[in-house]
C-alpha atoms as a PDB file:
ATOM      1  CA  UNK A   1     -12.207  -8.879 123.622  1.00  0.00           C
ATOM      2  CA  UNK A   2      -9.240  -6.481 122.219  1.00  0.00           C
ATOM      3  CA  UNK A   3      -7.522  -9.563 121.183  1.00  0.00           C
ATOM      4  CA  UNK A   4     -10.673 -10.804 119.013  1.00  0.00           C
ATOM      5  CA  UNK A   5     -11.673  -7.281 117.819  1.00  0.00           C
ATOM      6  CA  UNK A   6      -8.429  -7.044 116.536  1.00  0.00           C
ATOM      7  CA  UNK A   7      -9.084 -10.387 114.826  1.00  0.00           C
ATOM      8  CA  UNK A   8     -11.960  -8.969 113.657  1.00  0.00           C
ATOM      9  CA  UNK A   9     -10.837  -6.369 112.139  1.00  0.00           C
ATOM     10  CA  UNK A  10      -7.842  -8.229 110.335  1.00  0.00           C
ATOM     11  CA  UNK A  11     -10.583 -10.705 108.748  1.00  0.00           C
ATOM     12  CA  UNK A  12     -12.936  -7.641 107.903  1.00  0.00           C
ATOM     13  CA  UNK A  13     -10.073  -6.259 105.681  1.00  0.00           C
ATOM     14  CA  UNK A  14      -8.518  -9.695 104.559  1.00  0.00           C
ATOM     15  CA  UNK A  15     -12.000 -10.496 103.152  1.00  0.00           C
ATOM     16  CA  UNK A  16     -12.560  -6.845 101.361  1.00  0.00           C
ATOM     17  CA  UNK A  17      -9.063  -6.641  99.749  1.00  0.00           C
ATOM     18  CA  UNK A  18      -9.895 -10.246  98.163  1.00  0.00           C
ATOM     19  CA  UNK A  19     -13.324  -8.801  96.954  1.00  0.00           C
ATOM     20  CA  UNK A  20     -15.950  -9.059  99.275  1.00  0.00           C
ATOM     21  CA  UNK A  21     -18.784  -6.880  99.703  1.00  0.00           C
ATOM     22  CA  UNK A  22     -19.686  -5.209 102.931  1.00  0.00           C
ATOM     23  CA  UNK A  23     -22.499  -7.010 103.217  1.00  0.00           C
ATOM     24  CA  UNK A  24     -21.239 -10.924 103.026  1.00  0.00           C
ATOM     25  CA  UNK A  25     -18.504  -9.775 105.221  1.00  0.00           C
ATOM     26  CA  UNK A  26     -20.913  -8.761 107.585  1.00  0.00           C
ATOM     27  CA  UNK A  27     -22.889 -11.733 107.600  1.00  0.00           C
ATOM     28  CA  UNK A  28     -19.869 -14.607 107.251  1.00  0.00           C
ATOM     29  CA  UNK A  29     -18.674 -12.909 110.666  1.00  0.00           C
ATOM     30  CA  UNK A  30     -21.854 -12.393 112.134  1.00  0.00           C
ATOM     31  CA  UNK A  31     -21.630  -8.337 112.722  1.00  0.00           C
ATOM     32  CA  UNK A  32     -23.202  -5.601 111.809  1.00  0.00           C
ATOM     33  CA  UNK A  33     -23.011  -3.632 108.061  1.00  0.00           C
ATOM     34  CA  UNK A  34     -22.359  -0.947 110.205  1.00  0.00           C
ATOM     35  CA  UNK A  35     -19.027  -2.330 111.863  1.00  0.00           C
ATOM     36  CA  UNK A  36     -18.365  -3.435 109.043  1.00  0.00           C
ATOM     37  CA  UNK A  37     -18.134  -0.184 107.488  1.00  0.00           C
ATOM     38  CA  UNK A  38     -16.728   1.485 110.308  1.00  0.00           C
ATOM     39  CA  UNK A  39     -13.496  -0.522 109.786  1.00  0.00           C
ATOM     40  CA  UNK A  40     -13.468  -0.194 106.112  1.00  0.00           C
ATOM     41  CA  UNK A  41     -13.550   3.539 106.402  1.00  0.00           C
ATOM     42  CA  UNK A  42     -11.103   3.582 108.857  1.00  0.00           C
ATOM     43  CA  UNK A  43      -8.694   1.946 107.021  1.00  0.00           C
ATOM     44  CA  UNK A  44      -9.340   4.360 104.466  1.00  0.00           C
ATOM     45  CA  UNK A  45      -8.731   7.394 106.323  1.00  0.00           C
ATOM     46  CA  UNK A  46      -5.233   6.032 107.847  1.00  0.00           C
ATOM     47  CA  UNK A  47      -4.216   5.060 103.873  1.00  0.00           C
ATOM     48  CA  UNK A  48      -4.746   8.759 103.265  1.00  0.00           C
ATOM     49  CA  UNK A  49      -3.439  10.505 105.841  1.00  0.00           C
ATOM     50  CA  UNK A  50      -0.026   8.405 105.037  1.00  0.00           C
ATOM     51  CA  UNK A  51       2.286  10.566 102.312  1.00  0.00           C
ATOM     52  CA  UNK A  52       2.836   8.404  99.527  1.00  0.00           C
ATOM     53  CA  UNK A  53       6.592   7.771  98.741  1.00  0.00           C
ATOM     54  CA  UNK A  54       7.859   8.447  95.563  1.00  0.00           C
ATOM     55  CA  UNK A  55      11.544   7.249  95.916  1.00  0.00           C
ATOM     56  CA  UNK A  56      12.510   8.752  92.338  1.00  0.00           C
ATOM     57  CA  UNK A  57      10.700  12.282  92.860  1.00  0.00           C
ATOM     58  CA  UNK A  58      12.465  12.021  96.529  1.00  0.00           C
ATOM     59  CA  UNK A  59      16.173  11.812  94.946  1.00  0.00           C
ATOM     60  CA  UNK A  60      15.548  14.131  92.163  1.00  0.00           C
ATOM     61  CA  UNK A  61      14.717  16.904  94.761  1.00  0.00           C
ATOM     62  CA  UNK A  62      18.235  16.310  96.493  1.00  0.00           C
ATOM     63  CA  UNK A  63      19.836  17.671  93.216  1.00  0.00           C
ATOM     64  CA  UNK A  64      21.318  20.861  93.740  1.00  0.00           C
ATOM     65  CA  UNK A  65      20.695  21.619  90.381  1.00  0.00           C
ATOM     66  CA  UNK A  66      17.337  20.812  89.968  1.00  0.00           C
ATOM     67  CA  UNK A  67      16.065  24.536  89.062  1.00  0.00           C
ATOM     68  CA  UNK A  68      18.961  25.394  87.030  1.00  0.00           C
ATOM     69  CA  UNK A  69      22.345  24.140  85.129  1.00  0.00           C
ATOM     70  CA  UNK A  70      25.364  24.487  87.648  1.00  0.00           C
ATOM     71  CA  UNK A  71      27.845  26.469  86.887  1.00  0.00           C
ATOM     72  CA  UNK A  72      30.385  26.320  84.703  1.00  0.00           C
ATOM     73  CA  UNK A  73      33.315  25.577  86.920  1.00  0.00           C
ATOM     74  CA  UNK A  74      31.314  22.936  87.801  1.00  0.00           C
ATOM     75  CA  UNK A  75      30.282  21.471  84.444  1.00  0.00           C
ATOM     76  CA  UNK A  76      34.268  21.852  83.374  1.00  0.00           C
ATOM     77  CA  UNK A  77      35.361  20.004  86.527  1.00  0.00           C
ATOM     78  CA  UNK A  78      33.268  17.125  85.505  1.00  0.00           C
ATOM     79  CA  UNK A  79      34.011  17.230  81.934  1.00  0.00           C
ATOM     80  CA  UNK A  80      37.538  17.104  83.167  1.00  0.00           C
ATOM     81  CA  UNK A  81      37.087  14.224  85.038  1.00  0.00           C
ATOM     82  CA  UNK A  82      36.036  11.965  82.232  1.00  0.00           C
ATOM     83  CA  UNK A  83      38.819   9.254  81.070  1.00  0.00           C
ATOM     84  CA  UNK A  84      38.670   9.744  77.294  1.00  0.00           C
ATOM     85  CA  UNK A  85      41.665   7.027  76.995  1.00  0.00           C
ATOM     86  CA  UNK A  86      38.911   4.228  76.071  1.00  0.00           C
ATOM     87  CA  UNK A  87      37.223   6.604  73.379  1.00  0.00           C
ATOM     88  CA  UNK A  88      38.195   7.435  69.905  1.00  0.00           C
ATOM     89  CA  UNK A  89      38.028  10.775  69.669  1.00  0.00           C
ATOM     90  CA  UNK A  90      38.542  11.210  66.075  1.00  0.00           C
ATOM     91  CA  UNK A  91      35.649   9.177  64.740  1.00  0.00           C
ATOM     92  CA  UNK A  92      33.526  10.153  67.606  1.00  0.00           C
ATOM     93  CA  UNK A  93      29.911  12.022  66.094  1.00  0.00           C
ATOM     94  CA  UNK A  94      31.698  11.721  62.634  1.00  0.00           C
ATOM     95  CA  UNK A  95      28.633  11.498  59.751  1.00  0.00           C
ATOM     96  CA  UNK A  96      27.955   9.140  57.530  1.00  0.00           C
ATOM     97  CA  UNK A  97      29.778   9.056  54.104  1.00  0.00           C
ATOM     98  CA  UNK A  98      27.296   9.858  51.749  1.00  0.00           C
ATOM     99  CA  UNK A  99      29.260   8.282  48.728  1.00  0.00           C
ATOM    100  CA  UNK A 100      29.684   4.591  50.710  1.00  0.00           C
ATOM    101  CA  UNK A 101      26.874   2.275  49.811  1.00  0.00           C
ATOM    102  CA  UNK A 102      24.704   1.109  52.989  1.00  0.00           C
ATOM    103  CA  UNK A 103      23.715  -2.384  52.603  1.00  0.00           C
ATOM    104  CA  UNK A 104      19.639  -2.862  53.273  1.00  0.00           C
ATOM    105  CA  UNK A 105      19.030  -4.806  56.074  1.00  0.00           C
ATOM    106  CA  UNK A 106      16.690  -7.848  56.076  1.00  0.00           C
ATOM    107  CA  UNK A 107      13.818  -7.185  58.303  1.00  0.00           C
ATOM    108  CA  UNK A 108      11.262 -10.132  57.493  1.00  0.00           C
ATOM    109  CA  UNK A 109      12.436 -12.288  60.762  1.00  0.00           C
ATOM    110  CA  UNK A 110      11.583  -9.096  62.947  1.00  0.00           C
ATOM    111  CA  UNK A 111       8.615  -8.942  64.895  1.00  0.00           C
ATOM    112  CA  UNK A 112       6.446  -5.984  63.985  1.00  0.00           C
ATOM    113  CA  UNK A 113       3.272  -4.229  64.369  1.00  0.00           C
ATOM    114  CA  UNK A 114      -0.025  -6.268  63.870  1.00  0.00           C
ATOM    115  CA  UNK A 115      -1.573  -3.686  60.998  1.00  0.00           C
ATOM    116  CA  UNK A 116      -4.770  -6.084  60.741  1.00  0.00           C
ATOM    117  CA  UNK A 117      -5.046  -5.966  65.040  1.00  0.00           C
ATOM    118  CA  UNK A 118      -4.919  -2.077  64.588  1.00  0.00           C
ATOM    119  CA  UNK A 119      -7.438  -1.672  62.026  1.00  0.00           C
ATOM    120  CA  UNK A 120      -9.902  -4.131  63.943  1.00  0.00           C
ATOM    121  CA  UNK A 121      -9.214  -2.283  67.080  1.00  0.00           C
ATOM    122  CA  UNK A 122      -9.578   1.322  65.416  1.00  0.00           C
ATOM    123  CA  UNK A 123     -13.187   0.127  63.705  1.00  0.00           C
ATOM    124  CA  UNK A 124     -13.896  -1.049  66.752  1.00  0.00           C
ATOM    125  CA  UNK A 125     -13.774   2.402  68.722  1.00  0.00           C
ATOM    126  CA  UNK A 126     -15.469   4.364  65.740  1.00  0.00           C
ATOM    127  CA  UNK A 127     -18.322   1.888  65.499  1.00  0.00           C
ATOM    128  CA  UNK A 128     -18.788   0.991  68.957  1.00  0.00           C
ATOM    129  CA  UNK A 129     -21.251  -1.507  69.423  1.00  0.00           C
ATOM    130  CA  UNK A 130     -22.395  -1.614  65.809  1.00  0.00           C
ATOM    131  CA  UNK A 131     -21.101  -4.668  64.113  1.00  0.00           C
ATOM    132  CA  UNK A 132     -21.996  -3.882  60.688  1.00  0.00           C
ATOM    133  CA  UNK A 133     -20.907  -0.382  60.793  1.00  0.00           C
ATOM    134  CA  UNK A 134     -17.400  -2.077  62.473  1.00  0.00           C
ATOM    135  CA  UNK A 135     -17.024  -4.464  59.515  1.00  0.00           C
ATOM    136  CA  UNK A 136     -17.410  -1.598  57.083  1.00  0.00           C
ATOM    137  CA  UNK A 137     -14.593   0.878  58.866  1.00  0.00           C
ATOM    138  CA  UNK A 138     -12.225  -1.955  58.957  1.00  0.00           C
ATOM    139  CA  UNK A 139     -12.422  -2.857  55.527  1.00  0.00           C
ATOM    140  CA  UNK A 140     -12.191   0.853  54.400  1.00  0.00           C
ATOM    141  CA  UNK A 141      -9.166   0.672  56.962  1.00  0.00           C
ATOM    142  CA  UNK A 142      -7.819  -2.289  55.478  1.00  0.00           C
ATOM    143  CA  UNK A 143      -8.467  -0.685  51.706  1.00  0.00           C
ATOM    144  CA  UNK A 144      -6.924   2.593  52.540  1.00  0.00           C
ATOM    145  CA  UNK A 145      -3.700   0.471  53.907  1.00  0.00           C
ATOM    146  CA  UNK A 146      -3.680  -1.812  50.654  1.00  0.00           C
ATOM    147  CA  UNK A 147      -3.596   1.628  48.493  1.00  0.00           C
ATOM    148  CA  UNK A 148      -1.182   3.146  50.485  1.00  0.00           C
ATOM    149  CA  UNK A 149       1.192  -0.189  50.470  1.00  0.00           C
ATOM    150  CA  UNK A 150       0.543   0.260  46.763  1.00  0.00           C
ATOM    151  CA  UNK A 151       1.859   4.030  46.645  1.00  0.00           C
ATOM    152  CA  UNK A 152       5.065   2.621  48.736  1.00  0.00           C
ATOM    153  CA  UNK A 153       5.646  -0.064  46.284  1.00  0.00           C
ATOM    154  CA  UNK A 154       5.675   2.244  43.147  1.00  0.00           C
ATOM    155  CA  UNK A 155       8.196   4.656  45.000  1.00  0.00           C
ATOM    156  CA  UNK A 156      10.545   1.829  45.856  1.00  0.00           C
ATOM    157  CA  UNK A 157      10.608   0.909  42.033  1.00  0.00           C
ATOM    158  CA  UNK A 158      11.267   3.804  41.262  1.00  0.00           C
ATOM    159  CA  UNK A 159      13.923   4.549  43.270  1.00  0.00           C
ATOM    160  CA  UNK A 160      15.408   1.186  42.187  1.00  0.00           C
ATOM    161  CA  UNK A 161      15.177   2.628  38.678  1.00  0.00           C
ATOM    162  CA  UNK A 162      16.762   5.628  39.418  1.00  0.00           C
ATOM    163  CA  UNK A 163      19.765   4.126  41.200  1.00  0.00           C
ATOM    164  CA  UNK A 164      19.795   1.404  37.859  1.00  0.00           C
ATOM    165  CA  UNK A 165      20.299   4.588  36.004  1.00  0.00           C
ATOM    166  CA  UNK A 166      22.810   6.204  38.055  1.00  0.00           C
ATOM    167  CA  UNK A 167      25.392   3.215  37.854  1.00  0.00           C
END
């Protein structure tokens, strides 16, 4: 009897995990609905009792400086233990020279944000289940995006013209 009840319990939990309802499980296993629900609720109780482990949090809690910065001596000891032989300290942290021209990168082959899809999603969220309202919102978002693209293009043209006049 003990082996069969263990097998029944294992079967019930397996069937429940793959999506069968308690009623279907009881019907398949020739058990009462109360027996199936008791097995399922027992597992729920045992899972709740177990402490969920969070490895990252456990490691972080072992840090002696988790509540504040370490003493100055400890910081200096760490800094002095680092090797600086492979680091070019002369140019480390140097700022970009503003007189040097920075070449513009070609970003045409890069995958970017799908603005049309983003506008469709935003329109669907704003309109809810109303398809006509969704179309109106989508068209309005596309119109605003087009206007914004035109403004950016005009600013780019002005910047290019100002670069030409400076040369």
